[in-house]
């Protein structure tokens, strides 16, 4: 499979994937299933190069990204970090300083790099 270089090439690949997916896994041949995998990998490579999302540059931004990745509501996040929803809201809105215990919980529960936390807390 050749490399996708523009949006029209991407659309062609996605249209082909859609047509193959319409057959269904039970009706598709081994060759068609292999083609789907190859097309999907090609599309993913294009998407990763084309749609770059910059990493957060603030602790709040990083926490929000982790909330999104982990599909956490603010209520569940507060429970995970062992703080009240009100306190979490204050910290996230910059109205209260994060405590050491909170920062430790952010590191252990959300797996945010300790160096990032130290540089941005």
PDB file of N, CA and C in Angstrom:
ATOM      1  N   UNK A   1       0.853  -1.180   0.000  1.00  0.00           N
ATOM      2  CA  UNK A   1       0.000   0.000   0.000  1.00  0.00           C
ATOM      3  C   UNK A   1       0.891   1.231   0.000  1.00  0.00           C
ATOM      4  N   UNK A   2       0.533   2.183  -0.828  1.00  0.00           N
ATOM      5  CA  UNK A   2       1.322   3.408  -0.883  1.00  0.00           C
ATOM      6  C   UNK A   2       0.944   4.361   0.248  1.00  0.00           C
ATOM      7  N   UNK A   3       1.807   5.282   0.502  1.00  0.00           N
ATOM      8  CA  UNK A   3       1.628   6.263   1.570  1.00  0.00           C
ATOM      9  C   UNK A   3       0.542   7.273   1.173  1.00  0.00           C
ATOM     10  N   UNK A   4      -0.278   7.670   2.133  1.00  0.00           N
ATOM     11  CA  UNK A   4      -1.285   8.697   1.910  1.00  0.00           C
ATOM     12  C   UNK A   4      -0.595  10.045   2.046  1.00  0.00           C
ATOM     13  N   UNK A   5      -0.787  10.915   1.041  1.00  0.00           N
ATOM     14  CA  UNK A   5      -0.099  12.203   1.068  1.00  0.00           C
ATOM     15  C   UNK A   5      -1.036  13.403   1.170  1.00  0.00           C
ATOM     16  N   UNK A   6      -2.353  13.175   1.017  1.00  0.00           N
ATOM     17  CA  UNK A   6      -3.285  14.303   1.085  1.00  0.00           C
ATOM     18  C   UNK A   6      -4.664  13.814   1.528  1.00  0.00           C
ATOM     19  N   UNK A   7      -5.563  14.771   1.755  1.00  0.00           N
ATOM     20  CA  UNK A   7      -6.898  14.432   2.246  1.00  0.00           C
ATOM     21  C   UNK A   7      -7.706  13.603   1.255  1.00  0.00           C
ATOM     22  N   UNK A   8      -7.513  13.830  -0.030  1.00  0.00           N
ATOM     23  CA  UNK A   8      -8.280  13.032  -1.001  1.00  0.00           C
ATOM     24  C   UNK A   8      -7.805  11.577  -0.990  1.00  0.00           C
ATOM     25  N   UNK A   9      -6.509  11.369  -0.832  1.00  0.00           N
ATOM     26  CA  UNK A   9      -5.992  10.002  -0.714  1.00  0.00           C
ATOM     27  C   UNK A   9      -6.508   9.328   0.547  1.00  0.00           C
ATOM     28  N   UNK A  10      -6.601  10.100   1.622  1.00  0.00           N
ATOM     29  CA  UNK A  10      -7.142   9.586   2.882  1.00  0.00           C
ATOM     30  C   UNK A  10      -8.608   9.190   2.702  1.00  0.00           C
ATOM     31  N   UNK A  11      -9.371  10.033   1.998  1.00  0.00           N
ATOM     32  CA  UNK A  11     -10.785   9.740   1.764  1.00  0.00           C
ATOM     33  C   UNK A  11     -10.939   8.460   0.943  1.00  0.00           C
ATOM     34  N   UNK A  12     -10.096   8.275  -0.050  1.00  0.00           N
ATOM     35  CA  UNK A  12     -10.149   7.053  -0.866  1.00  0.00           C
ATOM     36  C   UNK A  12      -9.912   5.812  -0.003  1.00  0.00           C
ATOM     37  N   UNK A  13      -8.925   5.895   0.869  1.00  0.00           N
ATOM     38  CA  UNK A  13      -8.610   4.759   1.747  1.00  0.00           C
ATOM     39  C   UNK A  13      -9.787   4.484   2.685  1.00  0.00           C
ATOM     40  N   UNK A  14     -10.341   5.540   3.268  1.00  0.00           N
ATOM     41  CA  UNK A  14     -11.461   5.355   4.190  1.00  0.00           C
ATOM     42  C   UNK A  14     -12.694   4.803   3.471  1.00  0.00           C
ATOM     43  N   UNK A  15     -12.933   5.245   2.230  1.00  0.00           N
ATOM     44  CA  UNK A  15     -14.055   4.703   1.448  1.00  0.00           C
ATOM     45  C   UNK A  15     -13.852   3.214   1.183  1.00  0.00           C
ATOM     46  N   UNK A  16     -12.621   2.829   0.876  1.00  0.00           N
ATOM     47  CA  UNK A  16     -12.333   1.407   0.631  1.00  0.00           C
ATOM     48  C   UNK A  16     -12.516   0.596   1.912  1.00  0.00           C
ATOM     49  N   UNK A  17     -12.070   1.135   3.027  1.00  0.00           N
ATOM     50  CA  UNK A  17     -12.264   0.455   4.311  1.00  0.00           C
ATOM     51  C   UNK A  17     -13.754   0.270   4.569  1.00  0.00           C
ATOM     52  N   UNK A  18     -14.541   1.321   4.345  1.00  0.00           N
ATOM     53  CA  UNK A  18     -15.993   1.242   4.556  1.00  0.00           C
ATOM     54  C   UNK A  18     -16.620   0.164   3.680  1.00  0.00           C
ATOM     55  N   UNK A  19     -16.204   0.105   2.425  1.00  0.00           N
ATOM     56  CA  UNK A  19     -16.793  -0.905   1.527  1.00  0.00           C
ATOM     57  C   UNK A  19     -16.417  -2.318   1.962  1.00  0.00           C
ATOM     58  N   UNK A  20     -15.200  -2.498   2.425  1.00  0.00           N
ATOM     59  CA  UNK A  20     -14.785  -3.824   2.905  1.00  0.00           C
ATOM     60  C   UNK A  20     -15.482  -4.175   4.221  1.00  0.00           C
ATOM     61  N   UNK A  21     -15.649  -3.185   5.093  1.00  0.00           N
ATOM     62  CA  UNK A  21     -16.312  -3.433   6.373  1.00  0.00           C
ATOM     63  C   UNK A  21     -17.785  -3.800   6.165  1.00  0.00           C
ATOM     64  N   UNK A  22     -18.386  -3.274   5.103  1.00  0.00           N
ATOM     65  CA  UNK A  22     -19.795  -3.573   4.813  1.00  0.00           C
ATOM     66  C   UNK A  22     -20.002  -5.058   4.503  1.00  0.00           C
ATOM     67  N   UNK A  23     -18.956  -5.716   4.034  1.00  0.00           N
ATOM     68  CA  UNK A  23     -19.039  -7.152   3.741  1.00  0.00           C
ATOM     69  C   UNK A  23     -19.230  -7.940   5.034  1.00  0.00           C
ATOM     70  N   UNK A  24     -18.598  -7.464   6.100  1.00  0.00           N
ATOM     71  CA  UNK A  24     -18.660  -8.153   7.386  1.00  0.00           C
ATOM     72  C   UNK A  24     -17.531  -9.156   7.508  1.00  0.00           C
ATOM     73  N   UNK A  25     -17.122  -9.413   8.742  1.00  0.00           N
ATOM     74  CA  UNK A  25     -15.977 -10.313   8.952  1.00  0.00           C
ATOM     75  C   UNK A  25     -16.287 -11.746   8.540  1.00  0.00           C
ATOM     76  N   UNK A  26     -17.551 -12.149   8.616  1.00  0.00           N
ATOM     77  CA  UNK A  26     -17.900 -13.514   8.208  1.00  0.00           C
ATOM     78  C   UNK A  26     -17.881 -13.681   6.695  1.00  0.00           C
ATOM     79  N   UNK A  27     -18.215 -12.606   5.965  1.00  0.00           N
ATOM     80  CA  UNK A  27     -18.281 -12.703   4.509  1.00  0.00           C
ATOM     81  C   UNK A  27     -16.992 -12.333   3.802  1.00  0.00           C
ATOM     82  N   UNK A  28     -16.066 -11.691   4.508  1.00  0.00           N
ATOM     83  CA  UNK A  28     -14.817 -11.240   3.891  1.00  0.00           C
ATOM     84  C   UNK A  28     -13.813 -12.380   3.789  1.00  0.00           C
ATOM     85  N   UNK A  29     -13.062 -12.345   2.703  1.00  0.00           N
ATOM     86  CA  UNK A  29     -12.004 -13.343   2.520  1.00  0.00           C
ATOM     87  C   UNK A  29     -10.799 -12.970   3.380  1.00  0.00           C
ATOM     88  N   UNK A  30      -9.851 -13.894   3.492  1.00  0.00           N
ATOM     89  CA  UNK A  30      -8.625 -13.605   4.252  1.00  0.00           C
ATOM     90  C   UNK A  30      -7.867 -12.441   3.625  1.00  0.00           C
ATOM     91  N   UNK A  31      -7.891 -12.373   2.309  1.00  0.00           N
ATOM     92  CA  UNK A  31      -7.205 -11.283   1.611  1.00  0.00           C
ATOM     93  C   UNK A  31      -7.867  -9.942   1.912  1.00  0.00           C
ATOM     94  N   UNK A  32      -9.210  -9.924   1.940  1.00  0.00           N
ATOM     95  CA  UNK A  32      -9.920  -8.685   2.240  1.00  0.00           C
ATOM     96  C   UNK A  32      -9.681  -8.241   3.683  1.00  0.00           C
ATOM     97  N   UNK A  33      -9.651  -9.193   4.603  1.00  0.00           N
ATOM     98  CA  UNK A  33      -9.365  -8.855   6.000  1.00  0.00           C
ATOM     99  C   UNK A  33      -7.951  -8.297   6.149  1.00  0.00           C
ATOM    100  N   UNK A  34      -7.002  -8.902   5.416  1.00  0.00           N
ATOM    101  CA  UNK A  34      -5.626  -8.408   5.450  1.00  0.00           C
ATOM    102  C   UNK A  34      -5.554  -7.007   4.848  1.00  0.00           C
ATOM    103  N   UNK A  35      -6.341  -6.771   3.787  1.00  0.00           N
ATOM    104  CA  UNK A  35      -6.372  -5.445   3.162  1.00  0.00           C
ATOM    105  C   UNK A  35      -6.926  -4.401   4.131  1.00  0.00           C
ATOM    106  N   UNK A  36      -7.968  -4.757   4.876  1.00  0.00           N
ATOM    107  CA  UNK A  36      -8.531  -3.834   5.865  1.00  0.00           C
ATOM    108  C   UNK A  36      -7.462  -3.445   6.880  1.00  0.00           C
ATOM    109  N   UNK A  37      -6.737  -4.437   7.388  1.00  0.00           N
ATOM    110  CA  UNK A  37      -5.685  -4.158   8.373  1.00  0.00           C
ATOM    111  C   UNK A  37      -4.625  -3.219   7.794  1.00  0.00           C
ATOM    112  N   UNK A  38      -4.194  -3.491   6.578  1.00  0.00           N
ATOM    113  CA  UNK A  38      -3.171  -2.667   5.939  1.00  0.00           C
ATOM    114  C   UNK A  38      -3.684  -1.244   5.698  1.00  0.00           C
ATOM    115  N   UNK A  39      -4.913  -1.133   5.210  1.00  0.00           N
ATOM    116  CA  UNK A  39      -5.501   0.188   4.972  1.00  0.00           C
ATOM    117  C   UNK A  39      -5.655   0.963   6.284  1.00  0.00           C
ATOM    118  N   UNK A  40      -6.085   0.275   7.324  1.00  0.00           N
ATOM    119  CA  UNK A  40      -6.254   0.926   8.628  1.00  0.00           C
ATOM    120  C   UNK A  40      -4.919   1.442   9.161  1.00  0.00           C
ATOM    121  N   UNK A  41      -3.860   0.655   8.991  1.00  0.00           N
ATOM    122  CA  UNK A  41      -2.533   1.086   9.440  1.00  0.00           C
ATOM    123  C   UNK A  41      -2.056   2.300   8.635  1.00  0.00           C
ATOM    124  N   UNK A  42      -2.322   2.275   7.339  1.00  0.00           N
ATOM    125  CA  UNK A  42      -1.942   3.392   6.481  1.00  0.00           C
ATOM    126  C   UNK A  42      -2.699   4.656   6.878  1.00  0.00           C
ATOM    127  N   UNK A  43      -3.997   4.515   7.127  1.00  0.00           N
ATOM    128  CA  UNK A  43      -4.813   5.656   7.550  1.00  0.00           C
ATOM    129  C   UNK A  43      -4.345   6.186   8.904  1.00  0.00           C
ATOM    130  N   UNK A  44      -4.021   5.285   9.817  1.00  0.00           N
ATOM    131  CA  UNK A  44      -3.569   5.698  11.144  1.00  0.00           C
ATOM    132  C   UNK A  44      -2.258   6.481  11.050  1.00  0.00           C
ATOM    133  N   UNK A  45      -1.351   6.039  10.213  1.00  0.00           N
ATOM    134  CA  UNK A  45      -0.079   6.745  10.027  1.00  0.00           C
ATOM    135  C   UNK A  45      -0.331   8.163   9.527  1.00  0.00           C
ATOM    136  N   UNK A  46      -1.239   8.298   8.572  1.00  0.00           N
ATOM    137  CA  UNK A  46      -1.588   9.628   8.040  1.00  0.00           C
ATOM    138  C   UNK A  46      -2.221  10.490   9.127  1.00  0.00           C
ATOM    139  N   UNK A  47      -3.151   9.933   9.870  1.00  0.00           N
ATOM    140  CA  UNK A  47      -3.834  10.687  10.933  1.00  0.00           C
ATOM    141  C   UNK A  47      -2.849  11.168  11.986  1.00  0.00           C
ATOM    142  N   UNK A  48      -1.920  10.310  12.373  1.00  0.00           N
ATOM    143  CA  UNK A  48      -0.956  10.692  13.414  1.00  0.00           C
ATOM    144  C   UNK A  48      -0.030  11.803  12.935  1.00  0.00           C
ATOM    145  N   UNK A  49       0.293  11.814  11.645  1.00  0.00           N
ATOM    146  CA  UNK A  49       1.150  12.866  11.109  1.00  0.00           C
ATOM    147  C   UNK A  49       0.364  14.151  10.866  1.00  0.00           C
ATOM    148  N   UNK A  50      -0.883  14.027  10.476  1.00  0.00           N
ATOM    149  CA  UNK A  50      -1.705  15.183  10.083  1.00  0.00           C
ATOM    150  C   UNK A  50      -2.355  15.878  11.270  1.00  0.00           C
ATOM    151  N   UNK A  51      -2.827  15.115  12.216  1.00  0.00           N
ATOM    152  CA  UNK A  51      -3.601  15.666  13.323  1.00  0.00           C
ATOM    153  C   UNK A  51      -2.820  15.545  14.620  1.00  0.00           C
ATOM    154  N   UNK A  52      -1.844  16.405  14.769  1.00  0.00           N
ATOM    155  CA  UNK A  52      -0.983  16.400  15.942  1.00  0.00           C
ATOM    156  C   UNK A  52      -1.616  17.267  17.026  1.00  0.00           C
ATOM    157  N   UNK A  53      -1.751  16.704  18.218  1.00  0.00           N
ATOM    158  CA  UNK A  53      -2.270  17.454  19.358  1.00  0.00           C
ATOM    159  C   UNK A  53      -1.107  17.719  20.299  1.00  0.00           C
ATOM    160  N   UNK A  54      -0.875  18.985  20.561  1.00  0.00           N
ATOM    161  CA  UNK A  54       0.225  19.350  21.450  1.00  0.00           C
ATOM    162  C   UNK A  54      -0.057  18.872  22.867  1.00  0.00           C
ATOM    163  N   UNK A  55       0.997  18.444  23.539  1.00  0.00           N
ATOM    164  CA  UNK A  55       0.873  18.005  24.930  1.00  0.00           C
ATOM    165  C   UNK A  55       0.545  19.211  25.807  1.00  0.00           C
ATOM    166  N   UNK A  56      -0.220  18.999  26.857  1.00  0.00           N
ATOM    167  CA  UNK A  56      -0.539  20.105  27.770  1.00  0.00           C
ATOM    168  C   UNK A  56       0.727  20.715  28.367  1.00  0.00           C
ATOM    169  N   UNK A  57       0.655  22.008  28.652  1.00  0.00           N
ATOM    170  CA  UNK A  57       1.812  22.710  29.225  1.00  0.00           C
ATOM    171  C   UNK A  57       1.549  23.192  30.641  1.00  0.00           C
ATOM    172  N   UNK A  58       0.378  22.829  31.183  1.00  0.00           N
ATOM    173  CA  UNK A  58       0.056  23.184  32.562  1.00  0.00           C
ATOM    174  C   UNK A  58      -0.390  21.923  33.293  1.00  0.00           C
ATOM    175  N   UNK A  59      -0.285  21.947  34.606  1.00  0.00           N
ATOM    176  CA  UNK A  59      -0.735  20.802  35.388  1.00  0.00           C
ATOM    177  C   UNK A  59      -2.242  20.604  35.219  1.00  0.00           C
ATOM    178  N   UNK A  60      -2.982  21.692  35.221  1.00  0.00           N
ATOM    179  CA  UNK A  60      -4.428  21.597  35.024  1.00  0.00           C
ATOM    180  C   UNK A  60      -4.746  20.965  33.665  1.00  0.00           C
ATOM    181  N   UNK A  61      -4.043  21.398  32.638  1.00  0.00           N
ATOM    182  CA  UNK A  61      -4.242  20.841  31.306  1.00  0.00           C
ATOM    183  C   UNK A  61      -3.933  19.356  31.267  1.00  0.00           C
ATOM    184  N   UNK A  62      -2.868  18.953  31.952  1.00  0.00           N
ATOM    185  CA  UNK A  62      -2.490  17.539  31.985  1.00  0.00           C
ATOM    186  C   UNK A  62      -3.550  16.725  32.735  1.00  0.00           C
ATOM    187  N   UNK A  63      -4.042  17.253  33.842  1.00  0.00           N
ATOM    188  CA  UNK A  63      -5.092  16.556  34.598  1.00  0.00           C
ATOM    189  C   UNK A  63      -6.345  16.419  33.739  1.00  0.00           C
ATOM    190  N   UNK A  64      -6.706  17.487  33.038  1.00  0.00           N
ATOM    191  CA  UNK A  64      -7.888  17.434  32.167  1.00  0.00           C
ATOM    192  C   UNK A  64      -7.706  16.402  31.051  1.00  0.00           C
ATOM    193  N   UNK A  65      -6.494  16.327  30.476  1.00  0.00           N
ATOM    194  CA  UNK A  65      -6.230  15.337  29.435  1.00  0.00           C
ATOM    195  C   UNK A  65      -6.374  13.923  29.993  1.00  0.00           C
ATOM    196  N   UNK A  66      -5.833  13.691  31.194  1.00  0.00           N
ATOM    197  CA  UNK A  66      -5.942  12.372  31.823  1.00  0.00           C
ATOM    198  C   UNK A  66      -7.395  12.039  32.137  1.00  0.00           C
ATOM    199  N   UNK A  67      -8.165  13.045  32.567  1.00  0.00           N
ATOM    200  CA  UNK A  67      -9.590  12.825  32.815  1.00  0.00           C
ATOM    201  C   UNK A  67     -10.270  12.339  31.537  1.00  0.00           C
ATOM    202  N   UNK A  68      -9.943  12.977  30.422  1.00  0.00           N
ATOM    203  CA  UNK A  68     -10.523  12.606  29.134  1.00  0.00           C
ATOM    204  C   UNK A  68     -10.090  11.194  28.737  1.00  0.00           C
ATOM    205  N   UNK A  69      -8.777  10.927  28.824  1.00  0.00           N
ATOM    206  CA  UNK A  69      -8.254   9.610  28.443  1.00  0.00           C
ATOM    207  C   UNK A  69      -8.857   8.489  29.287  1.00  0.00           C
ATOM    208  N   UNK A  70      -9.018   8.758  30.581  1.00  0.00           N
ATOM    209  CA  UNK A  70      -9.514   7.731  31.499  1.00  0.00           C
ATOM    210  C   UNK A  70     -11.044   7.755  31.626  1.00  0.00           C
ATOM    211  N   UNK A  71     -11.668   8.695  30.895  1.00  0.00           N
ATOM    212  CA  UNK A  71     -13.134   8.834  30.914  1.00  0.00           C
ATOM    213  C   UNK A  71     -13.661   9.038  32.335  1.00  0.00           C
ATOM    214  N   UNK A  72     -13.028   9.978  33.046  1.00  0.00           N
ATOM    215  CA  UNK A  72     -13.395  10.265  34.434  1.00  0.00           C
ATOM    216  C   UNK A  72     -14.212  11.542  34.520  1.00  0.00           C
ATOM    217  N   UNK A  73     -15.272  11.501  35.284  1.00  0.00           N
ATOM    218  CA  UNK A  73     -16.005  12.731  35.603  1.00  0.00           C
ATOM    219  C   UNK A  73     -15.226  13.446  36.704  1.00  0.00           C
ATOM    220  N   UNK A  74     -15.560  14.705  36.940  1.00  0.00           N
ATOM    221  CA  UNK A  74     -14.884  15.436  38.005  1.00  0.00           C
ATOM    222  C   UNK A  74     -15.185  14.805  39.364  1.00  0.00           C
ATOM    223  N   UNK A  75     -16.383  14.284  39.521  1.00  0.00           N
ATOM    224  CA  UNK A  75     -16.763  13.635  40.775  1.00  0.00           C
ATOM    225  C   UNK A  75     -15.896  12.391  41.021  1.00  0.00           C
ATOM    226  N   UNK A  76     -15.745  11.561  40.005  1.00  0.00           N
ATOM    227  CA  UNK A  76     -14.941  10.339  40.142  1.00  0.00           C
ATOM    228  C   UNK A  76     -13.465  10.694  40.338  1.00  0.00           C
ATOM    229  N   UNK A  77     -13.004  11.720  39.624  1.00  0.00           N
ATOM    230  CA  UNK A  77     -11.619  12.154  39.793  1.00  0.00           C
ATOM    231  C   UNK A  77     -11.371  12.618  41.221  1.00  0.00           C
ATOM    232  N   UNK A  78     -12.285  13.383  41.778  1.00  0.00           N
ATOM    233  CA  UNK A  78     -12.139  13.856  43.160  1.00  0.00           C
ATOM    234  C   UNK A  78     -12.041  12.671  44.120  1.00  0.00           C
ATOM    235  N   UNK A  79     -12.870  11.670  43.922  1.00  0.00           N
ATOM    236  CA  UNK A  79     -12.808  10.471  44.771  1.00  0.00           C
ATOM    237  C   UNK A  79     -11.464   9.768  44.617  1.00  0.00           C
ATOM    238  N   UNK A  80     -11.001   9.655  43.386  1.00  0.00           N
ATOM    239  CA  UNK A  80      -9.729   8.983  43.098  1.00  0.00           C
ATOM    240  C   UNK A  80      -8.559   9.705  43.762  1.00  0.00           C
ATOM    241  N   UNK A  81      -8.644  11.046  43.783  1.00  0.00           N
ATOM    242  CA  UNK A  81      -7.566  11.855  44.360  1.00  0.00           C
ATOM    243  C   UNK A  81      -7.774  12.149  45.839  1.00  0.00           C
ATOM    244  N   UNK A  82      -8.876  11.640  46.389  1.00  0.00           N
ATOM    245  CA  UNK A  82      -9.195  11.767  47.816  1.00  0.00           C
ATOM    246  C   UNK A  82      -9.328  13.224  48.255  1.00  0.00           C
ATOM    247  N   UNK A  83     -10.046  14.001  47.426  1.00  0.00           N
ATOM    248  CA  UNK A  83     -10.386  15.380  47.770  1.00  0.00           C
ATOM    249  C   UNK A  83     -11.870  15.588  47.475  1.00  0.00           C
ATOM    250  N   UNK A  84     -12.429  16.649  48.033  1.00  0.00           N
ATOM    251  CA  UNK A  84     -13.828  16.955  47.741  1.00  0.00           C
ATOM    252  C   UNK A  84     -13.926  17.522  46.320  1.00  0.00           C
ATOM    253  N   UNK A  85     -15.118  17.463  45.771  1.00  0.00           N
ATOM    254  CA  UNK A  85     -15.339  18.045  44.445  1.00  0.00           C
ATOM    255  C   UNK A  85     -15.065  19.547  44.480  1.00  0.00           C
ATOM    256  N   UNK A  86     -15.465  20.187  45.570  1.00  0.00           N
ATOM    257  CA  UNK A  86     -15.259  21.630  45.704  1.00  0.00           C
ATOM    258  C   UNK A  86     -13.762  21.967  45.697  1.00  0.00           C
ATOM    259  N   UNK A  87     -12.977  21.194  46.452  1.00  0.00           N
ATOM    260  CA  UNK A  87     -11.531  21.448  46.507  1.00  0.00           C
ATOM    261  C   UNK A  87     -10.899  21.201  45.140  1.00  0.00           C
ATOM    262  N   UNK A  88     -11.305  20.129  44.476  1.00  0.00           N
ATOM    263  CA  UNK A  88     -10.776  19.846  43.143  1.00  0.00           C
ATOM    264  C   UNK A  88     -11.099  21.003  42.199  1.00  0.00           C
ATOM    265  N   UNK A  89     -12.309  21.499  42.266  1.00  0.00           N
ATOM    266  CA  UNK A  89     -12.718  22.623  41.427  1.00  0.00           C
ATOM    267  C   UNK A  89     -11.867  23.856  41.704  1.00  0.00           C
ATOM    268  N   UNK A  90     -11.630  24.144  42.963  1.00  0.00           N
ATOM    269  CA  UNK A  90     -10.795  25.300  43.327  1.00  0.00           C
ATOM    270  C   UNK A  90      -9.377  25.154  42.783  1.00  0.00           C
ATOM    271  N   UNK A  91      -8.812  23.961  42.927  1.00  0.00           N
ATOM    272  CA  UNK A  91      -7.446  23.721  42.432  1.00  0.00           C
ATOM    273  C   UNK A  91      -7.416  23.841  40.907  1.00  0.00           C
ATOM    274  N   UNK A  92      -8.374  23.222  40.235  1.00  0.00           N
ATOM    275  CA  UNK A  92      -8.397  23.223  38.775  1.00  0.00           C
ATOM    276  C   UNK A  92      -8.609  24.626  38.206  1.00  0.00           C
ATOM    277  N   UNK A  93      -9.299  25.480  38.956  1.00  0.00           N
ATOM    278  CA  UNK A  93      -9.539  26.845  38.503  1.00  0.00           C
ATOM    279  C   UNK A  93      -8.493  27.837  39.004  1.00  0.00           C
ATOM    280  N   UNK A  94      -7.442  27.326  39.650  1.00  0.00           N
ATOM    281  CA  UNK A  94      -6.350  28.176  40.103  1.00  0.00           C
ATOM    282  C   UNK A  94      -6.668  29.038  41.307  1.00  0.00           C
ATOM    283  N   UNK A  95      -7.713  28.686  42.035  1.00  0.00           N
ATOM    284  CA  UNK A  95      -8.118  29.490  43.191  1.00  0.00           C
ATOM    285  C   UNK A  95      -7.579  28.938  44.499  1.00  0.00           C
ATOM    286  N   UNK A  96      -6.973  27.757  44.440  1.00  0.00           N
ATOM    287  CA  UNK A  96      -6.362  27.168  45.629  1.00  0.00           C
ATOM    288  C   UNK A  96      -5.104  26.421  45.204  1.00  0.00           C
ATOM    289  N   UNK A  97      -4.080  26.522  46.028  1.00  0.00           N
ATOM    290  CA  UNK A  97      -2.814  25.837  45.782  1.00  0.00           C
ATOM    291  C   UNK A  97      -2.990  24.334  46.027  1.00  0.00           C
ATOM    292  N   UNK A  98      -2.404  23.525  45.173  1.00  0.00           N
ATOM    293  CA  UNK A  98      -2.454  22.076  45.348  1.00  0.00           C
ATOM    294  C   UNK A  98      -1.530  21.663  46.491  1.00  0.00           C
ATOM    295  N   UNK A  99      -2.012  20.762  47.341  1.00  0.00           N
ATOM    296  CA  UNK A  99      -1.202  20.271  48.454  1.00  0.00           C
ATOM    297  C   UNK A  99      -0.263  19.167  47.967  1.00  0.00           C
ATOM    298  N   UNK A 100       0.723  18.844  48.785  1.00  0.00           N
ATOM    299  CA  UNK A 100       1.645  17.754  48.470  1.00  0.00           C
ATOM    300  C   UNK A 100       0.881  16.436  48.323  1.00  0.00           C
ATOM    301  N   UNK A 101      -0.074  16.197  49.223  1.00  0.00           N
ATOM    302  CA  UNK A 101      -0.874  14.966  49.155  1.00  0.00           C
ATOM    303  C   UNK A 101      -1.652  14.894  47.833  1.00  0.00           C
ATOM    304  N   UNK A 102      -2.191  16.014  47.391  1.00  0.00           N
ATOM    305  CA  UNK A 102      -2.923  16.068  46.131  1.00  0.00           C
ATOM    306  C   UNK A 102      -1.977  15.755  44.972  1.00  0.00           C
ATOM    307  N   UNK A 103      -0.803  16.378  44.979  1.00  0.00           N
ATOM    308  CA  UNK A 103       0.167  16.168  43.901  1.00  0.00           C
ATOM    309  C   UNK A 103       0.656  14.719  43.857  1.00  0.00           C
ATOM    310  N   UNK A 104       0.844  14.116  45.029  1.00  0.00           N
ATOM    311  CA  UNK A 104       1.222  12.702  45.075  1.00  0.00           C
ATOM    312  C   UNK A 104       0.124  11.836  44.469  1.00  0.00           C
ATOM    313  N   UNK A 105      -1.123  12.163  44.812  1.00  0.00           N
ATOM    314  CA  UNK A 105      -2.253  11.404  44.274  1.00  0.00           C
ATOM    315  C   UNK A 105      -2.343  11.571  42.757  1.00  0.00           C
ATOM    316  N   UNK A 106      -2.089  12.769  42.265  1.00  0.00           N
ATOM    317  CA  UNK A 106      -2.094  13.020  40.816  1.00  0.00           C
ATOM    318  C   UNK A 106      -1.044  12.138  40.144  1.00  0.00           C
ATOM    319  N   UNK A 107       0.113  12.052  40.771  1.00  0.00           N
ATOM    320  CA  UNK A 107       1.193  11.219  40.221  1.00  0.00           C
ATOM    321  C   UNK A 107       0.814   9.734  40.227  1.00  0.00           C
ATOM    322  N   UNK A 108       0.334   9.233  41.346  1.00  0.00           N
ATOM    323  CA  UNK A 108       0.076   7.795  41.458  1.00  0.00           C
ATOM    324  C   UNK A 108      -1.221   7.361  40.782  1.00  0.00           C
ATOM    325  N   UNK A 109      -2.255   8.168  40.883  1.00  0.00           N
ATOM    326  CA  UNK A 109      -3.556   7.770  40.334  1.00  0.00           C
ATOM    327  C   UNK A 109      -3.714   8.076  38.849  1.00  0.00           C
ATOM    328  N   UNK A 110      -3.110   9.181  38.400  1.00  0.00           N
ATOM    329  CA  UNK A 110      -3.250   9.571  37.000  1.00  0.00           C
ATOM    330  C   UNK A 110      -2.002   9.266  36.182  1.00  0.00           C
ATOM    331  N   UNK A 111      -0.959   8.796  36.857  1.00  0.00           N
ATOM    332  CA  UNK A 111       0.292   8.413  36.194  1.00  0.00           C
ATOM    333  C   UNK A 111       0.919   9.586  35.428  1.00  0.00           C
ATOM    334  N   UNK A 112       0.868  10.746  36.066  1.00  0.00           N
ATOM    335  CA  UNK A 112       1.515  11.922  35.492  1.00  0.00           C
ATOM    336  C   UNK A 112       2.941  11.965  36.018  1.00  0.00           C
ATOM    337  N   UNK A 113       3.859  12.175  35.109  1.00  0.00           N
ATOM    338  CA  UNK A 113       5.276  12.172  35.441  1.00  0.00           C
ATOM    339  C   UNK A 113       5.595  13.166  36.563  1.00  0.00           C
ATOM    340  N   UNK A 114       6.358  12.698  37.540  1.00  0.00           N
ATOM    341  CA  UNK A 114       6.705  13.519  38.706  1.00  0.00           C
ATOM    342  C   UNK A 114       7.474  14.782  38.296  1.00  0.00           C
ATOM    343  N   UNK A 115       8.341  14.657  37.314  1.00  0.00           N
ATOM    344  CA  UNK A 115       9.102  15.829  36.855  1.00  0.00           C
ATOM    345  C   UNK A 115       8.142  16.880  36.287  1.00  0.00           C
ATOM    346  N   UNK A 116       7.156  16.452  35.506  1.00  0.00           N
ATOM    347  CA  UNK A 116       6.172  17.380  34.968  1.00  0.00           C
ATOM    348  C   UNK A 116       5.431  18.088  36.108  1.00  0.00           C
ATOM    349  N   UNK A 117       5.037  17.320  37.116  1.00  0.00           N
ATOM    350  CA  UNK A 117       4.322  17.898  38.251  1.00  0.00           C
ATOM    351  C   UNK A 117       5.186  18.928  38.958  1.00  0.00           C
ATOM    352  N   UNK A 118       6.448  18.602  39.222  1.00  0.00           N
ATOM    353  CA  UNK A 118       7.336  19.534  39.918  1.00  0.00           C
ATOM    354  C   UNK A 118       7.554  20.810  39.114  1.00  0.00           C
ATOM    355  N   UNK A 119       7.638  20.685  37.798  1.00  0.00           N
ATOM    356  CA  UNK A 119       7.881  21.845  36.951  1.00  0.00           C
ATOM    357  C   UNK A 119       6.655  22.721  36.761  1.00  0.00           C
ATOM    358  N   UNK A 120       5.453  22.142  36.969  1.00  0.00           N
ATOM    359  CA  UNK A 120       4.238  22.886  36.659  1.00  0.00           C
ATOM    360  C   UNK A 120       3.303  23.124  37.847  1.00  0.00           C
ATOM    361  N   UNK A 121       3.689  22.664  39.021  1.00  0.00           N
ATOM    362  CA  UNK A 121       2.813  22.837  40.202  1.00  0.00           C
ATOM    363  C   UNK A 121       2.955  24.224  40.780  1.00  0.00           C
TER     364      UNK A 121
END
